[in-house]
Protein backbone atom coordinates (compact mmCIF):
# COMPACT_ATOMS: atom_id res chain seq x y z
CA MET A 1 117.81 -103.65 -108.40
CA LYS A 2 118.70 -100.90 -110.82
CA ASN A 3 118.31 -97.15 -110.45
CA TYR A 4 117.32 -95.01 -113.41
CA THR A 5 116.69 -91.32 -113.88
CA ILE A 6 113.92 -90.63 -116.37
CA THR A 7 112.83 -87.27 -117.76
CA VAL A 8 109.22 -87.00 -119.01
CA ASN A 9 107.92 -83.68 -120.33
CA GLY A 10 110.66 -81.83 -118.50
CA ASN A 11 109.97 -83.58 -115.16
CA VAL A 12 112.80 -85.71 -113.74
CA TYR A 13 111.94 -88.98 -111.97
CA ASP A 14 114.28 -91.33 -110.08
CA VAL A 15 113.09 -94.90 -110.65
CA VAL A 16 114.16 -98.13 -108.93
CA VAL A 17 113.49 -101.32 -110.91
CA GLU A 18 113.49 -104.77 -109.26
CA GLU A 19 113.48 -108.13 -110.96
CA GLY A 20 110.45 -110.17 -109.90
CA ALA A 21 111.10 -113.64 -108.49
CA GLY A 22 107.75 -115.03 -109.71
CA VAL A 23 108.18 -114.00 -113.34
CA ALA A 24 109.45 -116.54 -115.84
CA ALA A 25 112.89 -115.53 -117.02
CA ALA A 26 113.31 -114.54 -120.63
CA PRO A 27 115.62 -116.83 -122.62
CA ALA A 28 118.37 -114.25 -122.89
CA ALA A 29 117.68 -111.17 -120.85
CA ARG A 30 119.57 -108.24 -122.29
CA PRO A 31 120.56 -105.21 -120.27
CA VAL A 32 118.57 -102.06 -120.89
CA ALA A 33 120.68 -99.01 -121.56
CA PRO A 34 119.46 -95.69 -120.18
CA VAL A 35 117.87 -93.57 -122.87
CA ALA A 36 119.20 -90.06 -123.30
CA PRO A 37 116.52 -87.48 -122.56
CA VAL A 38 114.93 -85.98 -125.64
CA ALA A 39 115.00 -82.22 -125.73
CA ALA A 40 111.52 -80.83 -125.36
CA PRO A 41 110.39 -78.72 -128.30
CA ALA A 42 110.68 -75.01 -127.75
CA PRO A 43 107.42 -73.62 -126.40
CA VAL A 44 105.37 -71.85 -129.02
CA ALA A 45 104.07 -68.50 -127.91
CA ALA A 46 100.30 -68.36 -128.12
CA PRO A 47 98.92 -65.41 -130.02
CA ALA A 48 97.93 -62.57 -127.76
CA PRO A 49 94.19 -62.67 -127.09
CA ALA A 50 92.21 -59.95 -128.73
CA ALA A 51 91.47 -57.18 -126.30
CA ALA A 52 87.82 -56.96 -125.35
CA PRO A 53 86.31 -53.77 -126.71
CA ALA A 54 86.00 -51.11 -124.08
CA PRO A 55 82.51 -49.97 -123.18
CA ALA A 56 83.53 -46.66 -124.76
CA ALA A 57 83.22 -48.44 -128.14
CA ALA A 58 79.48 -47.77 -127.87
CA PRO A 59 78.32 -44.19 -128.40
CA ALA A 60 78.52 -42.08 -125.24
CA GLY A 61 75.50 -42.59 -123.02
CA ALA A 62 74.40 -45.69 -124.96
CA ALA A 63 75.49 -48.17 -122.30
CA GLY A 64 72.62 -49.41 -120.17
CA SER A 65 72.53 -49.86 -116.42
CA ILE A 66 71.99 -53.67 -116.50
CA ASN A 67 74.99 -55.80 -117.51
CA VAL A 68 74.66 -59.03 -119.48
CA GLU A 69 77.79 -60.98 -118.51
CA ALA A 70 79.46 -64.13 -119.84
CA GLY A 71 79.02 -67.09 -117.50
CA ALA A 72 82.07 -68.87 -118.96
CA ALA A 73 85.07 -68.11 -121.12
CA GLY A 74 84.50 -68.80 -124.79
CA LYS A 75 83.92 -67.43 -128.25
CA ILE A 76 80.96 -65.31 -129.34
CA PHE A 77 79.00 -67.63 -131.63
CA LYS A 78 75.92 -65.53 -132.41
CA ILE A 79 74.30 -62.24 -131.40
CA GLU A 80 70.59 -62.95 -130.90
CA LYS A 81 69.36 -59.43 -130.01
CA ASN A 82 70.60 -56.14 -131.45
CA VAL A 83 70.53 -52.65 -129.94
CA GLY A 84 66.96 -51.49 -129.44
CA ALA A 85 65.43 -54.96 -129.16
CA ALA A 86 63.05 -55.55 -126.25
CA VAL A 87 63.92 -58.59 -124.13
CA LYS A 88 62.20 -60.46 -121.32
CA LYS A 89 64.01 -62.00 -118.37
CA GLY A 90 65.58 -65.27 -119.62
CA ASP A 91 65.62 -64.35 -123.33
CA ALA A 92 68.89 -65.25 -125.08
CA VAL A 93 70.82 -62.10 -125.97
CA ILE A 94 74.07 -63.71 -127.11
CA ILE A 95 75.12 -67.32 -127.83
CA LEU A 96 78.56 -68.21 -126.46
CA GLU A 97 80.53 -71.24 -127.68
CA ALA A 98 82.62 -73.00 -125.04
CA MET A 99 84.06 -76.53 -125.30
CA LYS A 100 82.02 -77.18 -128.48
CA MET A 101 78.77 -76.31 -126.70
CA GLU A 102 76.49 -73.40 -127.49
CA ILE A 103 75.60 -71.59 -124.27
CA PRO A 104 72.88 -68.92 -124.31
CA VAL A 105 73.71 -65.78 -122.33
CA VAL A 106 70.33 -64.54 -121.17
CA ALA A 107 68.85 -61.24 -120.06
CA PRO A 108 68.90 -61.02 -116.24
CA GLU A 109 65.66 -58.99 -116.31
CA ASP A 110 63.18 -57.34 -118.68
CA GLY A 111 64.49 -54.38 -120.67
CA THR A 112 65.76 -53.04 -123.96
CA VAL A 113 69.20 -53.82 -125.37
CA ALA A 114 71.20 -50.59 -124.96
CA SER A 115 74.57 -51.82 -126.26
CA VAL A 116 76.25 -54.91 -127.62
CA ASN A 117 79.94 -54.81 -126.66
CA VAL A 118 81.21 -57.85 -128.63
CA THR A 119 81.42 -59.16 -132.17
CA VAL A 120 80.92 -62.67 -133.57
CA GLY A 121 84.12 -64.71 -133.29
CA GLU A 122 85.56 -62.66 -130.42
CA MET A 123 87.05 -64.52 -127.44
CA VAL A 124 85.78 -63.42 -124.01
CA GLU A 125 86.57 -64.30 -120.40
CA ALA A 126 84.05 -65.37 -117.78
CA GLY A 127 82.38 -62.31 -116.26
CA ALA A 128 83.01 -60.07 -119.28
CA VAL A 129 80.20 -57.60 -120.01
CA LEU A 130 78.81 -58.69 -123.39
CA ALA A 131 75.87 -56.31 -123.61
CA THR A 132 73.88 -53.87 -121.50
CA LEU A 133 70.15 -53.32 -121.01
CA ASN A 134 67.98 -50.36 -119.96
C-alpha cells in the first residue's frame, strides 16, 4: 500500500493505493513518483455586470402600475412591444435569451406598455422589472 497526496483544482486529497492480487503483474513494474502540484492559474476577474437601468430612466410618471418581470437571468434578445403598444394577457413583450434559448417574457394582463426599462444586449437577473404596463 502506498499513500499519496493529490491536489486537483486546489482541492487536496489523501489517496491510498493497493496492489491487486488478481491483476497480472507487469513485466517490470516501475515505481511512480509523486507529481508536484501544478499551480492553478490566477483567477481572472469577471467584468462587472452592467447595472440595470433604474426606473427613473423613463420619464417621470411614465412607469406603469403592472410590472413585466424576467422569469430567469439572461440577456435581452429582442424587444417585441414598444411604449404605447396595446398588449393582451400572454402577449410577448420582450424576448430573453438564457442558455441559448429564446424565452418570451409575456404581459401578465391586458394593458398598454408604459415603459421599457432595458435595452437589447443587456444582462438581467431573474425578477428584474423589464417593462411596465398601464
